[in-house]
Amino acid sequence: MPRSVNHAASKARRKKTLKLAKGYFGRRKNVWTVAKNAVEKGLVYAYRDRRAKKREFRALWIMRINAACRELGVSYSQFMGKLNASELDFNRKVLADLAANDPVAFKAVFDQIMKG
């Protein structure tokens, strides 16, 4: 009896991978074995970088808050120490947005924190 293969399923699987490889350069977009490796590697990078993105944004927020605090004569660590001791509850994302886009509002928050 001849061997039976589910060609519809395997073709669909290859088609799905080649669709994910759309936009790649050269054989990476249309040759199954090359595209499969490229897509797998791309998915690994995507998984890794979804986590790295969070670290990079936190670092950016800290840089922006630090720059705004230094202009007002205080270091980032001193400012965050006072913030944690105060009753105000701001996260770094909000503080960085204020520092970059609304310096007057950041100054008001800064004065409130440093006074208390």
N, C-alpha and C. Protein backbone atom coordinates (compact mmCIF):
# COMPACT_ATOMS: atom_id res chain seq x y z
N MET A 1 0.85 -1.19 0.00
CA MET A 1 0.00 0.00 0.00
C MET A 1 0.89 1.25 0.00
N PRO A 2 0.60 2.23 -0.84
CA PRO A 2 1.47 3.41 -0.91
C PRO A 2 1.36 4.27 0.35
N ARG A 3 2.44 5.00 0.59
CA ARG A 3 2.48 5.88 1.74
C ARG A 3 1.53 7.06 1.52
N SER A 4 0.83 7.43 2.56
CA SER A 4 -0.11 8.55 2.46
C SER A 4 0.50 9.79 3.12
N VAL A 5 0.46 10.90 2.42
CA VAL A 5 0.98 12.15 3.00
C VAL A 5 -0.12 13.20 2.97
N ASN A 6 -0.12 14.02 3.98
CA ASN A 6 -1.12 15.08 4.05
C ASN A 6 -0.54 16.33 3.37
N HIS A 7 -0.61 16.34 2.09
CA HIS A 7 0.02 17.42 1.33
C HIS A 7 -0.63 18.77 1.61
N ALA A 8 -1.93 18.78 1.84
CA ALA A 8 -2.62 20.06 2.08
C ALA A 8 -2.07 20.73 3.34
N ALA A 9 -1.85 19.94 4.40
CA ALA A 9 -1.35 20.51 5.65
C ALA A 9 0.08 21.00 5.52
N SER A 10 0.94 20.19 4.87
CA SER A 10 2.34 20.59 4.75
C SER A 10 2.48 21.81 3.83
N LYS A 11 1.67 21.87 2.79
CA LYS A 11 1.71 23.03 1.90
C LYS A 11 1.24 24.29 2.63
N ALA A 12 0.20 24.13 3.46
CA ALA A 12 -0.30 25.28 4.22
C ALA A 12 0.75 25.76 5.21
N ARG A 13 1.47 24.82 5.83
CA ARG A 13 2.52 25.19 6.78
C ARG A 13 3.63 25.96 6.07
N ARG A 14 4.05 25.49 4.92
CA ARG A 14 5.09 26.19 4.16
C ARG A 14 4.60 27.56 3.69
N LYS A 15 3.34 27.61 3.27
CA LYS A 15 2.77 28.87 2.79
C LYS A 15 2.74 29.91 3.92
N LYS A 16 2.41 29.45 5.12
CA LYS A 16 2.35 30.34 6.27
C LYS A 16 3.75 30.92 6.57
N THR A 17 4.76 30.06 6.51
CA THR A 17 6.12 30.51 6.78
C THR A 17 6.59 31.47 5.69
N LEU A 18 6.29 31.17 4.43
CA LEU A 18 6.70 32.05 3.35
C LEU A 18 5.97 33.40 3.42
N LYS A 19 4.76 33.38 3.94
CA LYS A 19 4.05 34.65 4.12
C LYS A 19 4.73 35.49 5.19
N LEU A 20 5.22 34.84 6.25
CA LEU A 20 5.95 35.57 7.29
C LEU A 20 7.28 36.12 6.76
N ALA A 21 7.84 35.47 5.72
CA ALA A 21 9.12 35.90 5.16
C ALA A 21 8.96 36.99 4.12
N LYS A 22 7.75 37.44 3.88
CA LYS A 22 7.51 38.48 2.89
C LYS A 22 8.29 39.74 3.27
N GLY A 23 9.00 40.29 2.30
CA GLY A 23 9.80 41.48 2.55
C GLY A 23 11.26 41.19 2.82
N TYR A 24 11.60 39.92 3.02
CA TYR A 24 13.00 39.57 3.21
C TYR A 24 13.73 39.68 1.87
N PHE A 25 15.06 39.74 1.90
CA PHE A 25 15.86 39.96 0.71
C PHE A 25 16.37 38.64 0.15
N GLY A 26 16.36 38.53 -1.16
CA GLY A 26 16.96 37.38 -1.84
C GLY A 26 16.19 36.10 -1.61
N ARG A 27 16.94 34.98 -1.47
CA ARG A 27 16.30 33.68 -1.33
C ARG A 27 15.57 33.53 0.00
N ARG A 28 15.83 34.44 0.94
CA ARG A 28 15.19 34.34 2.24
C ARG A 28 13.67 34.49 2.13
N LYS A 29 13.19 35.07 1.05
CA LYS A 29 11.75 35.30 0.92
C LYS A 29 11.01 34.23 0.13
N ASN A 30 11.73 33.39 -0.67
CA ASN A 30 10.98 32.48 -1.53
C ASN A 30 11.51 31.05 -1.58
N VAL A 31 12.62 30.76 -0.94
CA VAL A 31 13.14 29.39 -0.90
C VAL A 31 12.80 28.83 0.48
N TRP A 32 12.08 27.71 0.50
CA TRP A 32 11.51 27.19 1.74
C TRP A 32 12.54 27.00 2.84
N THR A 33 13.66 26.31 2.56
CA THR A 33 14.61 26.00 3.62
C THR A 33 15.28 27.25 4.16
N VAL A 34 15.58 28.19 3.30
CA VAL A 34 16.23 29.43 3.73
C VAL A 34 15.22 30.30 4.48
N ALA A 35 14.01 30.39 3.94
CA ALA A 35 12.97 31.21 4.56
C ALA A 35 12.61 30.67 5.94
N LYS A 36 12.55 29.35 6.08
CA LYS A 36 12.20 28.74 7.37
C LYS A 36 13.21 29.15 8.44
N ASN A 37 14.50 29.08 8.10
CA ASN A 37 15.54 29.48 9.06
C ASN A 37 15.46 30.96 9.39
N ALA A 38 15.23 31.78 8.37
CA ALA A 38 15.17 33.23 8.58
C ALA A 38 13.98 33.61 9.44
N VAL A 39 12.83 32.99 9.20
CA VAL A 39 11.62 33.30 9.97
C VAL A 39 11.79 32.85 11.42
N GLU A 40 12.34 31.66 11.62
CA GLU A 40 12.57 31.17 12.99
C GLU A 40 13.49 32.11 13.76
N LYS A 41 14.56 32.54 13.11
CA LYS A 41 15.50 33.46 13.76
C LYS A 41 14.81 34.80 14.04
N GLY A 42 14.00 35.26 13.10
CA GLY A 42 13.28 36.52 13.30
C GLY A 42 12.31 36.45 14.46
N LEU A 43 11.65 35.31 14.62
CA LEU A 43 10.72 35.15 15.74
C LEU A 43 11.46 35.11 17.08
N VAL A 44 12.66 34.53 17.08
CA VAL A 44 13.48 34.53 18.30
C VAL A 44 13.86 35.96 18.67
N TYR A 45 14.29 36.73 17.67
CA TYR A 45 14.64 38.13 17.93
C TYR A 45 13.41 38.91 18.43
N ALA A 46 12.24 38.65 17.85
CA ALA A 46 11.03 39.37 18.26
C ALA A 46 10.70 39.07 19.71
N TYR A 47 10.82 37.81 20.11
CA TYR A 47 10.53 37.42 21.49
C TYR A 47 11.51 38.10 22.44
N ARG A 48 12.79 38.05 22.09
CA ARG A 48 13.83 38.67 22.94
C ARG A 48 13.62 40.17 23.05
N ASP A 49 13.34 40.81 21.93
CA ASP A 49 13.30 42.26 21.91
C ASP A 49 12.02 42.85 22.49
N ARG A 50 10.97 42.05 22.59
CA ARG A 50 9.79 42.53 23.32
C ARG A 50 10.14 42.77 24.78
N ARG A 51 11.07 42.01 25.31
CA ARG A 51 11.51 42.19 26.68
C ARG A 51 12.58 43.28 26.78
N ALA A 52 13.49 43.33 25.82
CA ALA A 52 14.55 44.34 25.83
C ALA A 52 13.96 45.74 25.66
N LYS A 53 12.86 45.84 24.94
CA LYS A 53 12.21 47.14 24.71
C LYS A 53 11.81 47.79 26.02
N LYS A 54 11.33 47.00 26.96
CA LYS A 54 10.91 47.52 28.26
C LYS A 54 12.12 48.09 29.01
N ARG A 55 13.26 47.38 28.95
CA ARG A 55 14.47 47.86 29.61
C ARG A 55 14.97 49.15 28.96
N GLU A 56 14.90 49.20 27.64
CA GLU A 56 15.40 50.39 26.93
C GLU A 56 14.55 51.61 27.23
N PHE A 57 13.24 51.43 27.31
CA PHE A 57 12.38 52.57 27.63
C PHE A 57 12.59 53.06 29.05
N ARG A 58 12.76 52.13 29.99
CA ARG A 58 13.02 52.55 31.38
C ARG A 58 14.31 53.35 31.45
N ALA A 59 15.35 52.91 30.74
CA ALA A 59 16.62 53.64 30.72
C ALA A 59 16.44 55.04 30.12
N LEU A 60 15.63 55.14 29.07
CA LEU A 60 15.36 56.44 28.44
C LEU A 60 14.64 57.36 29.40
N TRP A 61 13.62 56.83 30.11
CA TRP A 61 12.89 57.65 31.08
C TRP A 61 13.82 58.16 32.17
N ILE A 62 14.71 57.30 32.65
CA ILE A 62 15.64 57.70 33.71
C ILE A 62 16.57 58.80 33.20
N MET A 63 17.04 58.69 31.96
CA MET A 63 17.91 59.73 31.39
C MET A 63 17.18 61.07 31.32
N ARG A 64 15.94 61.04 30.89
CA ARG A 64 15.18 62.29 30.75
C ARG A 64 14.91 62.93 32.11
N ILE A 65 14.54 62.11 33.10
CA ILE A 65 14.29 62.64 34.44
C ILE A 65 15.58 63.20 35.02
N ASN A 66 16.67 62.48 34.84
CA ASN A 66 17.97 62.91 35.36
C ASN A 66 18.37 64.25 34.75
N ALA A 67 18.18 64.40 33.44
CA ALA A 67 18.55 65.66 32.77
C ALA A 67 17.73 66.82 33.33
N ALA A 68 16.43 66.59 33.53
CA ALA A 68 15.56 67.66 34.05
C ALA A 68 15.93 67.99 35.49
N CYS A 69 16.25 66.98 36.28
CA CYS A 69 16.63 67.21 37.68
C CYS A 69 17.95 67.96 37.78
N ARG A 70 18.90 67.60 36.93
CA ARG A 70 20.22 68.26 36.96
C ARG A 70 20.09 69.75 36.65
N GLU A 71 19.15 70.08 35.75
CA GLU A 71 18.93 71.51 35.45
C GLU A 71 18.41 72.25 36.68
N LEU A 72 17.75 71.52 37.55
CA LEU A 72 17.20 72.13 38.77
C LEU A 72 18.14 71.92 39.96
N GLY A 73 19.31 71.36 39.73
CA GLY A 73 20.34 71.29 40.76
C GLY A 73 20.32 70.07 41.66
N VAL A 74 19.63 69.01 41.26
CA VAL A 74 19.54 67.80 42.09
C VAL A 74 19.83 66.60 41.20
N SER A 75 20.44 65.56 41.77
CA SER A 75 20.68 64.34 40.99
C SER A 75 19.42 63.49 40.93
N TYR A 76 19.42 62.57 40.00
CA TYR A 76 18.28 61.66 39.83
C TYR A 76 18.02 60.85 41.09
N SER A 77 19.09 60.33 41.70
CA SER A 77 18.90 59.46 42.87
C SER A 77 18.35 60.23 44.06
N GLN A 78 18.79 61.46 44.23
CA GLN A 78 18.24 62.29 45.32
C GLN A 78 16.76 62.57 45.08
N PHE A 79 16.43 62.89 43.84
CA PHE A 79 15.04 63.17 43.48
C PHE A 79 14.15 61.96 43.71
N MET A 80 14.59 60.78 43.26
CA MET A 80 13.78 59.58 43.41
C MET A 80 13.66 59.17 44.88
N GLY A 81 14.69 59.43 45.66
CA GLY A 81 14.61 59.16 47.10
C GLY A 81 13.55 60.01 47.76
N LYS A 82 13.51 61.28 47.40
CA LYS A 82 12.49 62.19 47.95
C LYS A 82 11.09 61.81 47.44
N LEU A 83 11.02 61.41 46.18
CA LEU A 83 9.72 61.01 45.61
C LEU A 83 9.17 59.79 46.35
N ASN A 84 10.01 58.81 46.62
CA ASN A 84 9.55 57.61 47.32
C ASN A 84 9.17 57.91 48.76
N ALA A 85 9.80 58.92 49.35
CA ALA A 85 9.46 59.29 50.73
C ALA A 85 8.20 60.15 50.79
N SER A 86 7.85 60.79 49.68
CA SER A 86 6.67 61.66 49.67
C SER A 86 5.39 60.86 49.47
N GLU A 87 4.26 61.54 49.62
CA GLU A 87 2.97 60.88 49.43
C GLU A 87 2.54 60.88 47.96
N LEU A 88 3.30 61.55 47.10
CA LEU A 88 2.97 61.59 45.68
C LEU A 88 3.32 60.25 45.02
N ASP A 89 2.53 59.87 44.03
CA ASP A 89 2.73 58.58 43.37
C ASP A 89 2.84 58.80 41.87
N PHE A 90 4.06 59.04 41.40
CA PHE A 90 4.33 59.20 39.98
C PHE A 90 5.26 58.08 39.54
N ASN A 91 5.02 57.56 38.33
CA ASN A 91 5.97 56.59 37.79
C ASN A 91 6.94 57.29 36.85
N ARG A 92 7.98 56.58 36.46
CA ARG A 92 9.04 57.18 35.65
C ARG A 92 8.54 57.60 34.28
N LYS A 93 7.60 56.85 33.73
CA LYS A 93 7.07 57.18 32.40
C LYS A 93 6.40 58.55 32.42
N VAL A 94 5.58 58.81 33.42
CA VAL A 94 4.87 60.09 33.53
C VAL A 94 5.85 61.22 33.80
N LEU A 95 6.79 60.99 34.71
CA LEU A 95 7.77 62.03 35.03
C LEU A 95 8.62 62.38 33.81
N ALA A 96 9.03 61.37 33.04
CA ALA A 96 9.84 61.63 31.85
C ALA A 96 9.04 62.40 30.81
N ASP A 97 7.76 62.09 30.67
CA ASP A 97 6.92 62.81 29.72
C ASP A 97 6.78 64.28 30.14
N LEU A 98 6.58 64.50 31.43
CA LEU A 98 6.50 65.88 31.92
C LEU A 98 7.83 66.61 31.69
N ALA A 99 8.92 65.95 31.98
CA ALA A 99 10.24 66.58 31.84
C ALA A 99 10.51 66.97 30.39
N ALA A 100 10.09 66.13 29.46
CA ALA A 100 10.38 66.39 28.05
C ALA A 100 9.39 67.36 27.42
N ASN A 101 8.12 67.25 27.77
CA ASN A 101 7.08 68.00 27.04
C ASN A 101 6.48 69.17 27.81
N ASP A 102 6.60 69.17 29.13
CA ASP A 102 5.99 70.25 29.92
C ASP A 102 6.89 70.59 31.10
N PRO A 103 7.99 71.31 30.86
CA PRO A 103 8.94 71.60 31.94
C PRO A 103 8.34 72.39 33.09
N VAL A 104 7.33 73.21 32.82
CA VAL A 104 6.69 73.99 33.90
C VAL A 104 5.98 73.05 34.87
N ALA A 105 5.25 72.09 34.32
CA ALA A 105 4.56 71.11 35.17
C ALA A 105 5.57 70.24 35.93
N PHE A 106 6.67 69.87 35.26
CA PHE A 106 7.69 69.07 35.95
C PHE A 106 8.30 69.87 37.10
N LYS A 107 8.53 71.17 36.87
CA LYS A 107 9.08 72.03 37.94
C LYS A 107 8.12 72.09 39.12
N ALA A 108 6.81 72.17 38.84
CA ALA A 108 5.82 72.20 39.93
C ALA A 108 5.85 70.91 40.72
N VAL A 109 5.91 69.78 40.04
CA VAL A 109 5.99 68.48 40.72
C VAL A 109 7.29 68.39 41.49
N PHE A 110 8.38 68.83 40.87
CA PHE A 110 9.71 68.81 41.51
C PHE A 110 9.69 69.62 42.82
N ASP A 111 9.12 70.83 42.76
CA ASP A 111 9.07 71.69 43.97
C ASP A 111 8.24 71.02 45.06
N GLN A 112 7.12 70.42 44.68
CA GLN A 112 6.24 69.74 45.64
C GLN A 112 6.98 68.58 46.33
N ILE A 113 7.74 67.84 45.54
CA ILE A 113 8.47 66.68 46.09
C ILE A 113 9.62 67.14 46.98
N MET A 114 10.38 68.12 46.53
CA MET A 114 11.55 68.56 47.30
C MET A 114 11.15 69.30 48.58
N LYS A 115 9.98 69.90 48.57
CA LYS A 115 9.50 70.62 49.77
C LYS A 115 9.06 69.63 50.84
N GLY A 116 8.45 68.53 50.42
CA GLY A 116 7.90 67.57 51.37
C GLY A 116 8.86 66.54 51.71
